[in-house]
Amino acid sequence: MSIWTFDTADGADLALRTVERLQLRGTIAVADAAVVAWAPGSHRPRTYQVGSVEGTAALSGAFWGLVFGTVFLLPITGRDVPAGGELEHLGLSDDLVGTLRERVVAGRSALFLVVGRATVPAVASALAPGRPEHWEADVAPDHRVGLWRVFADDPTTLP
């Protein structure tokens, strides 16, 4: 998973349009995408799953609900990062969860892409003018098959 954060609430939406153009041209392949956009003054972010340019999604809404609910919607109580490793199996370390909580607040946004490593440099180049921050979340190989079976829209097509 490739995660891009932006200093504006509409930055991820604008970046998504760029990614979609690249995918339509055949420059990159995106298996799934999701956006977190947090309007200034709002108490909660707006989140939505995009899928791929063909309208298919590699992962179910339950996957994105788990990620976004844990990272952005659960209250912080008494600890800097309450995840306590709950998302480690998804490739999201407590450090990364904490960083995303700090970076994606009211007035900011994030674009989450499920892509292969070869796609990341092309995306980075295309998004460079918006100067997003970038993080990678890697699912451990021994967790990939299990996660795919639980969260894939079509669990018979394993990665």
N, C-alpha and C. Protein backbone atom coordinates (compact mmCIF):
# COMPACT_ATOMS: atom_id res chain seq x y z
N MET A 1 0.85 -1.17 0.00
CA MET A 1 0.00 0.00 0.00
C MET A 1 0.90 1.23 0.00
N SER A 2 0.55 2.16 -0.85
CA SER A 2 1.27 3.41 -0.97
C SER A 2 0.35 4.52 -0.47
N ILE A 3 0.84 5.32 0.48
CA ILE A 3 0.01 6.33 1.12
C ILE A 3 0.62 7.70 0.85
N TRP A 4 -0.21 8.62 0.36
CA TRP A 4 0.23 9.97 0.02
C TRP A 4 -0.60 10.95 0.81
N THR A 5 0.03 11.87 1.55
CA THR A 5 -0.71 12.87 2.31
C THR A 5 -0.50 14.25 1.70
N PHE A 6 -1.52 15.09 1.83
CA PHE A 6 -1.54 16.41 1.20
C PHE A 6 -1.90 17.48 2.21
N ASP A 7 -1.40 18.69 1.98
CA ASP A 7 -1.62 19.82 2.90
C ASP A 7 -2.97 20.49 2.72
N THR A 8 -3.78 19.99 1.81
CA THR A 8 -5.11 20.57 1.57
C THR A 8 -6.17 19.47 1.65
N ALA A 9 -7.39 19.88 1.93
CA ALA A 9 -8.48 18.91 2.04
C ALA A 9 -8.82 18.29 0.69
N ASP A 10 -8.54 18.98 -0.42
CA ASP A 10 -8.86 18.43 -1.74
C ASP A 10 -7.64 17.87 -2.47
N GLY A 11 -6.48 17.88 -1.82
CA GLY A 11 -5.26 17.38 -2.46
C GLY A 11 -5.35 15.93 -2.90
N ALA A 12 -5.91 15.06 -2.07
CA ALA A 12 -6.01 13.65 -2.42
C ALA A 12 -6.98 13.44 -3.58
N ASP A 13 -8.09 14.19 -3.59
CA ASP A 13 -9.04 14.09 -4.70
C ASP A 13 -8.38 14.50 -6.02
N LEU A 14 -7.62 15.58 -5.99
CA LEU A 14 -6.92 16.05 -7.20
C LEU A 14 -5.86 15.04 -7.64
N ALA A 15 -5.13 14.50 -6.68
CA ALA A 15 -4.11 13.49 -6.99
C ALA A 15 -4.74 12.23 -7.58
N LEU A 16 -5.91 11.86 -7.06
CA LEU A 16 -6.61 10.69 -7.58
C LEU A 16 -6.91 10.87 -9.07
N ARG A 17 -7.30 12.05 -9.48
CA ARG A 17 -7.58 12.31 -10.91
C ARG A 17 -6.32 12.08 -11.74
N THR A 18 -5.18 12.49 -11.23
CA THR A 18 -3.91 12.27 -11.93
C THR A 18 -3.61 10.79 -12.03
N VAL A 19 -3.80 10.06 -10.93
CA VAL A 19 -3.56 8.61 -10.92
C VAL A 19 -4.50 7.91 -11.89
N GLU A 20 -5.75 8.33 -11.93
CA GLU A 20 -6.72 7.72 -12.86
C GLU A 20 -6.30 7.94 -14.32
N ARG A 21 -5.80 9.14 -14.63
CA ARG A 21 -5.31 9.40 -16.01
C ARG A 21 -4.14 8.50 -16.36
N LEU A 22 -3.22 8.32 -15.42
CA LEU A 22 -2.07 7.43 -15.65
C LEU A 22 -2.54 6.00 -15.89
N GLN A 23 -3.53 5.58 -15.13
CA GLN A 23 -4.03 4.21 -15.29
C GLN A 23 -4.75 4.05 -16.63
N LEU A 24 -5.52 5.05 -17.02
CA LEU A 24 -6.22 4.98 -18.32
C LEU A 24 -5.24 4.89 -19.49
N ARG A 25 -4.09 5.55 -19.35
CA ARG A 25 -3.05 5.51 -20.39
C ARG A 25 -2.25 4.21 -20.36
N GLY A 26 -2.44 3.41 -19.31
CA GLY A 26 -1.70 2.16 -19.20
C GLY A 26 -0.31 2.35 -18.61
N THR A 27 -0.04 3.53 -18.06
CA THR A 27 1.27 3.82 -17.46
C THR A 27 1.46 3.10 -16.14
N ILE A 28 0.37 2.97 -15.37
CA ILE A 28 0.42 2.31 -14.07
C ILE A 28 -0.77 1.37 -13.93
N ALA A 29 -0.68 0.51 -12.92
CA ALA A 29 -1.79 -0.38 -12.60
C ALA A 29 -2.13 -0.21 -11.12
N VAL A 30 -3.37 0.18 -10.85
CA VAL A 30 -3.85 0.37 -9.48
C VAL A 30 -4.89 -0.71 -9.21
N ALA A 31 -4.65 -1.52 -8.18
CA ALA A 31 -5.60 -2.57 -7.82
C ALA A 31 -6.77 -2.01 -7.02
N ASP A 32 -6.50 -0.99 -6.22
CA ASP A 32 -7.54 -0.39 -5.39
C ASP A 32 -7.03 0.96 -4.91
N ALA A 33 -7.97 1.83 -4.58
CA ALA A 33 -7.63 3.16 -4.07
C ALA A 33 -8.72 3.63 -3.13
N ALA A 34 -8.32 4.47 -2.19
CA ALA A 34 -9.27 5.07 -1.26
C ALA A 34 -8.75 6.45 -0.87
N VAL A 35 -9.69 7.31 -0.49
CA VAL A 35 -9.37 8.70 -0.17
C VAL A 35 -9.90 9.03 1.22
N VAL A 36 -9.10 9.81 1.94
CA VAL A 36 -9.52 10.43 3.19
C VAL A 36 -9.38 11.93 2.96
N ALA A 37 -10.48 12.66 3.06
CA ALA A 37 -10.46 14.11 2.88
C ALA A 37 -11.11 14.73 4.11
N TRP A 38 -10.39 15.63 4.78
CA TRP A 38 -10.88 16.21 6.01
C TRP A 38 -11.05 17.71 5.82
N ALA A 39 -12.29 18.14 5.68
CA ALA A 39 -12.59 19.55 5.45
C ALA A 39 -12.23 20.38 6.67
N PRO A 40 -11.74 21.60 6.46
CA PRO A 40 -11.45 22.48 7.60
C PRO A 40 -12.70 22.68 8.45
N GLY A 41 -12.53 22.59 9.76
CA GLY A 41 -13.64 22.79 10.68
C GLY A 41 -14.53 21.58 10.90
N SER A 42 -14.33 20.52 10.14
CA SER A 42 -15.13 19.32 10.29
C SER A 42 -14.61 18.47 11.45
N HIS A 43 -15.51 17.74 12.10
CA HIS A 43 -15.11 16.88 13.22
C HIS A 43 -14.58 15.53 12.76
N ARG A 44 -14.93 15.12 11.56
CA ARG A 44 -14.52 13.81 11.04
C ARG A 44 -14.13 13.94 9.58
N PRO A 45 -13.27 13.05 9.13
CA PRO A 45 -12.93 13.06 7.70
C PRO A 45 -14.00 12.37 6.87
N ARG A 46 -14.02 12.68 5.60
CA ARG A 46 -14.85 11.97 4.62
C ARG A 46 -13.93 10.90 4.02
N THR A 47 -14.40 9.67 4.00
CA THR A 47 -13.60 8.58 3.43
C THR A 47 -14.41 7.86 2.37
N TYR A 48 -13.72 7.42 1.32
CA TYR A 48 -14.41 6.62 0.31
C TYR A 48 -13.42 5.75 -0.45
N GLN A 49 -13.93 4.59 -0.85
CA GLN A 49 -13.16 3.64 -1.65
C GLN A 49 -13.43 3.94 -3.11
N VAL A 50 -12.38 3.93 -3.91
CA VAL A 50 -12.50 4.25 -5.33
C VAL A 50 -12.46 2.99 -6.17
N GLY A 51 -11.63 2.03 -5.79
CA GLY A 51 -11.42 0.87 -6.63
C GLY A 51 -10.41 1.21 -7.71
N SER A 52 -10.49 0.54 -8.83
CA SER A 52 -9.59 0.81 -9.95
C SER A 52 -10.33 1.64 -10.99
N VAL A 53 -9.61 2.03 -12.01
CA VAL A 53 -10.21 2.84 -13.07
C VAL A 53 -11.31 2.08 -13.80
N GLU A 54 -11.23 0.76 -13.78
CA GLU A 54 -12.27 -0.06 -14.41
C GLU A 54 -13.49 -0.22 -13.52
N GLY A 55 -13.44 0.34 -12.32
CA GLY A 55 -14.57 0.26 -11.41
C GLY A 55 -14.53 -0.96 -10.51
N THR A 56 -13.48 -1.77 -10.61
CA THR A 56 -13.36 -2.93 -9.73
C THR A 56 -12.51 -2.55 -8.53
N ALA A 57 -12.65 -3.29 -7.46
CA ALA A 57 -11.87 -3.05 -6.25
C ALA A 57 -11.22 -4.35 -5.82
N ALA A 58 -9.94 -4.29 -5.50
CA ALA A 58 -9.24 -5.49 -5.06
C ALA A 58 -9.68 -5.88 -3.65
N LEU A 59 -9.97 -4.89 -2.83
CA LEU A 59 -10.30 -5.13 -1.44
C LEU A 59 -11.72 -4.66 -1.14
N SER A 60 -12.32 -5.25 -0.14
CA SER A 60 -13.70 -4.90 0.19
C SER A 60 -13.76 -3.62 1.02
N GLY A 61 -14.94 -3.07 1.11
CA GLY A 61 -15.16 -1.91 1.96
C GLY A 61 -14.85 -2.21 3.42
N ALA A 62 -14.96 -3.47 3.83
CA ALA A 62 -14.65 -3.85 5.21
C ALA A 62 -13.17 -3.59 5.52
N PHE A 63 -12.29 -3.85 4.55
CA PHE A 63 -10.86 -3.58 4.73
C PHE A 63 -10.64 -2.10 5.00
N TRP A 64 -11.17 -1.26 4.11
CA TRP A 64 -10.97 0.19 4.25
C TRP A 64 -11.66 0.69 5.52
N GLY A 65 -12.81 0.13 5.87
CA GLY A 65 -13.48 0.52 7.10
C GLY A 65 -12.63 0.24 8.32
N LEU A 66 -11.98 -0.92 8.33
CA LEU A 66 -11.09 -1.28 9.44
C LEU A 66 -9.92 -0.30 9.52
N VAL A 67 -9.28 -0.06 8.39
CA VAL A 67 -8.12 0.84 8.37
C VAL A 67 -8.53 2.25 8.79
N PHE A 68 -9.53 2.81 8.13
CA PHE A 68 -9.90 4.20 8.41
C PHE A 68 -10.52 4.36 9.79
N GLY A 69 -11.30 3.37 10.20
CA GLY A 69 -11.89 3.44 11.53
C GLY A 69 -10.83 3.45 12.62
N THR A 70 -9.83 2.60 12.48
CA THR A 70 -8.77 2.51 13.48
C THR A 70 -7.85 3.72 13.43
N VAL A 71 -7.48 4.15 12.24
CA VAL A 71 -6.51 5.24 12.12
C VAL A 71 -7.14 6.60 12.39
N PHE A 72 -8.33 6.86 11.85
CA PHE A 72 -8.86 8.21 11.89
C PHE A 72 -10.07 8.43 12.78
N LEU A 73 -10.83 7.40 13.08
CA LEU A 73 -12.10 7.63 13.76
C LEU A 73 -12.13 7.22 15.22
N LEU A 74 -11.26 6.27 15.63
CA LEU A 74 -11.25 5.88 17.03
C LEU A 74 -10.63 6.99 17.86
N PRO A 75 -11.21 7.28 18.99
CA PRO A 75 -10.65 8.36 19.82
C PRO A 75 -9.30 7.97 20.40
N ILE A 76 -8.49 8.96 20.58
CA ILE A 76 -7.19 8.75 21.22
C ILE A 76 -7.41 8.91 22.72
N THR A 77 -7.08 7.87 23.48
CA THR A 77 -7.31 7.92 24.92
C THR A 77 -6.07 7.52 25.68
N GLY A 78 -5.40 8.50 26.25
CA GLY A 78 -4.31 8.22 27.16
C GLY A 78 -3.01 7.77 26.53
N ARG A 79 -2.99 7.51 25.25
CA ARG A 79 -1.75 7.11 24.58
C ARG A 79 -1.65 7.90 23.29
N ASP A 80 -0.43 8.04 22.80
CA ASP A 80 -0.24 8.75 21.54
C ASP A 80 -0.90 8.00 20.40
N VAL A 81 -0.74 6.68 20.38
CA VAL A 81 -1.31 5.86 19.32
C VAL A 81 -1.97 4.65 19.95
N PRO A 82 -3.29 4.59 19.97
CA PRO A 82 -3.97 3.50 20.64
C PRO A 82 -4.03 2.20 19.84
N ALA A 83 -3.46 2.18 18.65
CA ALA A 83 -3.60 0.99 17.80
C ALA A 83 -3.05 -0.25 18.48
N GLY A 84 -1.95 -0.12 19.22
CA GLY A 84 -1.41 -1.25 19.96
C GLY A 84 -1.11 -2.44 19.08
N GLY A 85 -0.81 -2.21 17.83
CA GLY A 85 -0.46 -3.29 16.93
C GLY A 85 -1.62 -3.90 16.19
N GLU A 86 -2.84 -3.40 16.38
CA GLU A 86 -4.00 -3.99 15.73
C GLU A 86 -3.88 -4.00 14.21
N LEU A 87 -3.15 -3.08 13.64
CA LEU A 87 -3.04 -3.00 12.18
C LEU A 87 -1.69 -3.48 11.66
N GLU A 88 -0.86 -4.04 12.53
CA GLU A 88 0.45 -4.54 12.09
C GLU A 88 0.30 -5.56 10.96
N HIS A 89 -0.70 -6.43 11.05
CA HIS A 89 -0.88 -7.46 10.03
C HIS A 89 -1.31 -6.86 8.69
N LEU A 90 -1.72 -5.59 8.68
CA LEU A 90 -2.06 -4.91 7.44
C LEU A 90 -0.88 -4.10 6.91
N GLY A 91 0.25 -4.17 7.60
CA GLY A 91 1.41 -3.42 7.19
C GLY A 91 1.47 -2.02 7.77
N LEU A 92 0.53 -1.70 8.66
CA LEU A 92 0.50 -0.37 9.26
C LEU A 92 1.04 -0.44 10.69
N SER A 93 2.29 -0.08 10.86
CA SER A 93 2.91 -0.11 12.18
C SER A 93 2.31 0.99 13.05
N ASP A 94 2.50 0.87 14.36
CA ASP A 94 2.03 1.90 15.27
C ASP A 94 2.65 3.25 14.92
N ASP A 95 3.93 3.23 14.51
CA ASP A 95 4.59 4.49 14.12
C ASP A 95 3.90 5.12 12.92
N LEU A 96 3.56 4.31 11.92
CA LEU A 96 2.89 4.83 10.74
C LEU A 96 1.48 5.33 11.08
N VAL A 97 0.76 4.59 11.91
CA VAL A 97 -0.57 5.02 12.33
C VAL A 97 -0.47 6.37 13.04
N GLY A 98 0.51 6.50 13.93
CA GLY A 98 0.71 7.77 14.64
C GLY A 98 1.04 8.91 13.69
N THR A 99 1.89 8.64 12.72
CA THR A 99 2.25 9.66 11.72
C THR A 99 1.03 10.08 10.93
N LEU A 100 0.21 9.13 10.49
CA LEU A 100 -0.98 9.46 9.72
C LEU A 100 -1.97 10.27 10.56
N ARG A 101 -2.10 9.92 11.84
CA ARG A 101 -2.98 10.69 12.73
C ARG A 101 -2.50 12.12 12.88
N GLU A 102 -1.20 12.32 12.91
CA GLU A 102 -0.64 13.67 13.03
C GLU A 102 -0.80 14.46 11.73
N ARG A 103 -0.63 13.78 10.61
CA ARG A 103 -0.61 14.47 9.32
C ARG A 103 -2.00 14.70 8.71
N VAL A 104 -2.90 13.75 8.91
CA VAL A 104 -4.22 13.87 8.28
C VAL A 104 -5.21 14.34 9.34
N VAL A 105 -5.35 15.64 9.39
CA VAL A 105 -6.25 16.32 10.33
C VAL A 105 -7.11 17.29 9.52
N ALA A 106 -7.97 18.03 10.19
CA ALA A 106 -8.84 18.99 9.48
C ALA A 106 -8.00 19.88 8.56
N GLY A 107 -8.45 19.99 7.31
CA GLY A 107 -7.76 20.78 6.31
C GLY A 107 -6.74 20.02 5.48
N ARG A 108 -6.62 18.71 5.72
CA ARG A 108 -5.64 17.89 4.99
C ARG A 108 -6.34 16.66 4.41
N SER A 109 -5.58 15.87 3.63
CA SER A 109 -6.16 14.68 3.00
C SER A 109 -5.08 13.64 2.73
N ALA A 110 -5.54 12.43 2.36
CA ALA A 110 -4.61 11.33 2.05
C ALA A 110 -5.21 10.45 0.96
N LEU A 111 -4.33 9.93 0.13
CA LEU A 111 -4.68 9.00 -0.92
C LEU A 111 -3.98 7.68 -0.63
N PHE A 112 -4.77 6.60 -0.54
CA PHE A 112 -4.25 5.26 -0.29
C PHE A 112 -4.36 4.48 -1.59
N LEU A 113 -3.24 3.92 -2.06
CA LEU A 113 -3.22 3.14 -3.30
C LEU A 113 -2.71 1.74 -3.02
N VAL A 114 -3.38 0.74 -3.56
CA VAL A 114 -2.88 -0.63 -3.54
C VAL A 114 -2.28 -0.85 -4.92
N VAL A 115 -0.94 -0.82 -4.95
CA VAL A 115 -0.20 -0.90 -6.22
C VAL A 115 1.04 -1.75 -6.03
N GLY A 116 1.62 -2.17 -7.14
CA GLY A 116 2.89 -2.88 -7.10
C GLY A 116 4.02 -1.88 -6.94
N ARG A 117 5.16 -2.36 -6.47
CA ARG A 117 6.32 -1.48 -6.25
C ARG A 117 6.76 -0.75 -7.50
N ALA A 118 6.63 -1.36 -8.65
CA ALA A 118 7.06 -0.73 -9.90
C ALA A 118 6.23 0.50 -10.24
N THR A 119 5.03 0.57 -9.72
CA THR A 119 4.13 1.69 -10.00
C THR A 119 4.48 2.94 -9.20
N VAL A 120 5.06 2.78 -8.03
CA VAL A 120 5.29 3.90 -7.11
C VAL A 120 6.14 5.01 -7.74
N PRO A 121 7.25 4.73 -8.43
CA PRO A 121 8.03 5.84 -9.02
C PRO A 121 7.23 6.67 -10.02
N ALA A 122 6.40 6.04 -10.83
CA ALA A 122 5.59 6.77 -11.80
C ALA A 122 4.57 7.66 -11.08
N VAL A 123 3.97 7.15 -10.02
CA VAL A 123 3.02 7.94 -9.25
C VAL A 123 3.76 9.10 -8.58
N ALA A 124 4.90 8.83 -7.99
CA ALA A 124 5.68 9.88 -7.32
C ALA A 124 6.02 11.01 -8.29
N SER A 125 6.43 10.65 -9.48
CA SER A 125 6.76 11.66 -10.49
C SER A 125 5.54 12.50 -10.87
N ALA A 126 4.42 11.84 -11.08
CA ALA A 126 3.20 12.54 -11.49
C ALA A 126 2.65 13.44 -10.38
N LEU A 127 2.82 13.03 -9.13
CA LEU A 127 2.27 13.80 -8.01
C LEU A 127 3.25 14.83 -7.45
N ALA A 128 4.48 14.83 -7.93
CA ALA A 128 5.53 15.71 -7.41
C ALA A 128 5.13 17.19 -7.33
N PRO A 129 4.43 17.74 -8.32
CA PRO A 129 4.08 19.17 -8.22
C PRO A 129 3.25 19.52 -6.97
N GLY A 130 2.46 18.58 -6.46
CA GLY A 130 1.65 18.83 -5.27
C GLY A 130 2.43 18.63 -3.98
N ARG A 131 3.66 18.17 -4.07
CA ARG A 131 4.57 17.93 -2.96
C ARG A 131 3.96 17.13 -1.81
N PRO A 132 3.36 15.98 -2.12
CA PRO A 132 2.80 15.16 -1.04
C PRO A 132 3.90 14.44 -0.26
N GLU A 133 3.56 14.06 0.96
CA GLU A 133 4.44 13.17 1.71
C GLU A 133 4.03 11.75 1.36
N HIS A 134 4.99 10.83 1.39
CA HIS A 134 4.71 9.46 0.94
C HIS A 134 5.21 8.44 1.95
N TRP A 135 4.39 7.41 2.17
CA TRP A 135 4.75 6.28 3.04
C TRP A 135 4.35 4.99 2.34
N GLU A 136 5.04 3.94 2.70
CA GLU A 136 4.72 2.60 2.21
C GLU A 136 4.30 1.74 3.39
N ALA A 137 3.27 0.95 3.20
CA ALA A 137 2.84 -0.04 4.19
C ALA A 137 2.91 -1.39 3.49
N ASP A 138 3.71 -2.28 4.05
CA ASP A 138 3.90 -3.59 3.44
C ASP A 138 3.30 -4.68 4.31
N VAL A 139 2.44 -5.47 3.73
CA VAL A 139 1.87 -6.62 4.44
C VAL A 139 2.89 -7.74 4.42
N ALA A 140 3.15 -8.32 5.57
CA ALA A 140 4.09 -9.43 5.64
C ALA A 140 3.60 -10.57 4.74
N PRO A 141 4.53 -11.23 4.03
CA PRO A 141 4.12 -12.29 3.11
C PRO A 141 3.24 -13.37 3.74
N ASP A 142 3.50 -13.71 4.99
CA ASP A 142 2.69 -14.76 5.62
C ASP A 142 1.28 -14.30 5.98
N HIS A 143 1.02 -12.98 5.93
CA HIS A 143 -0.33 -12.47 6.19
C HIS A 143 -1.11 -12.16 4.92
N ARG A 144 -0.44 -12.07 3.78
CA ARG A 144 -1.10 -11.63 2.55
C ARG A 144 -2.26 -12.53 2.14
N VAL A 145 -2.04 -13.82 2.11
CA VAL A 145 -3.07 -14.75 1.66
C VAL A 145 -4.28 -14.70 2.57
N GLY A 146 -4.05 -14.69 3.89
CA GLY A 146 -5.16 -14.63 4.83
C GLY A 146 -5.95 -13.34 4.71
N LEU A 147 -5.25 -12.22 4.58
CA LEU A 147 -5.93 -10.94 4.41
C LEU A 147 -6.72 -10.90 3.11
N TRP A 148 -6.12 -11.43 2.06
CA TRP A 148 -6.80 -11.43 0.77
C TRP A 148 -8.10 -12.24 0.84
N ARG A 149 -8.02 -13.38 1.52
CA ARG A 149 -9.22 -14.23 1.64
C ARG A 149 -10.32 -13.52 2.44
N VAL A 150 -9.94 -12.76 3.45
CA VAL A 150 -10.93 -12.09 4.29
C VAL A 150 -11.47 -10.83 3.61
N PHE A 151 -10.59 -10.05 2.98
CA PHE A 151 -10.98 -8.72 2.53
C PHE A 151 -11.10 -8.53 1.02
N ALA A 152 -10.69 -9.50 0.22
CA ALA A 152 -10.75 -9.32 -1.23
C ALA A 152 -12.20 -9.38 -1.71
N ASP A 153 -12.51 -8.57 -2.71
CA ASP A 153 -13.84 -8.64 -3.31
C ASP A 153 -14.06 -9.98 -3.99
N ASP A 154 -13.00 -10.54 -4.56
CA ASP A 154 -13.05 -11.88 -5.16
C ASP A 154 -11.93 -12.72 -4.55
N PRO A 155 -12.20 -13.41 -3.42
CA PRO A 155 -11.15 -14.13 -2.73
C PRO A 155 -10.57 -15.30 -3.49
N THR A 156 -11.14 -15.66 -4.61
CA THR A 156 -10.58 -16.77 -5.39
C THR A 156 -9.39 -16.31 -6.23
N THR A 157 -9.20 -15.02 -6.37
CA THR A 157 -8.07 -14.50 -7.13
C THR A 157 -7.05 -13.93 -6.16
N LEU A 158 -6.17 -14.78 -5.67
CA LEU A 158 -5.15 -14.37 -4.73
C LEU A 158 -4.03 -13.65 -5.47
N PRO A 159 -3.36 -12.72 -4.78
CA PRO A 159 -2.27 -11.96 -5.43
C PRO A 159 -1.08 -12.86 -5.72
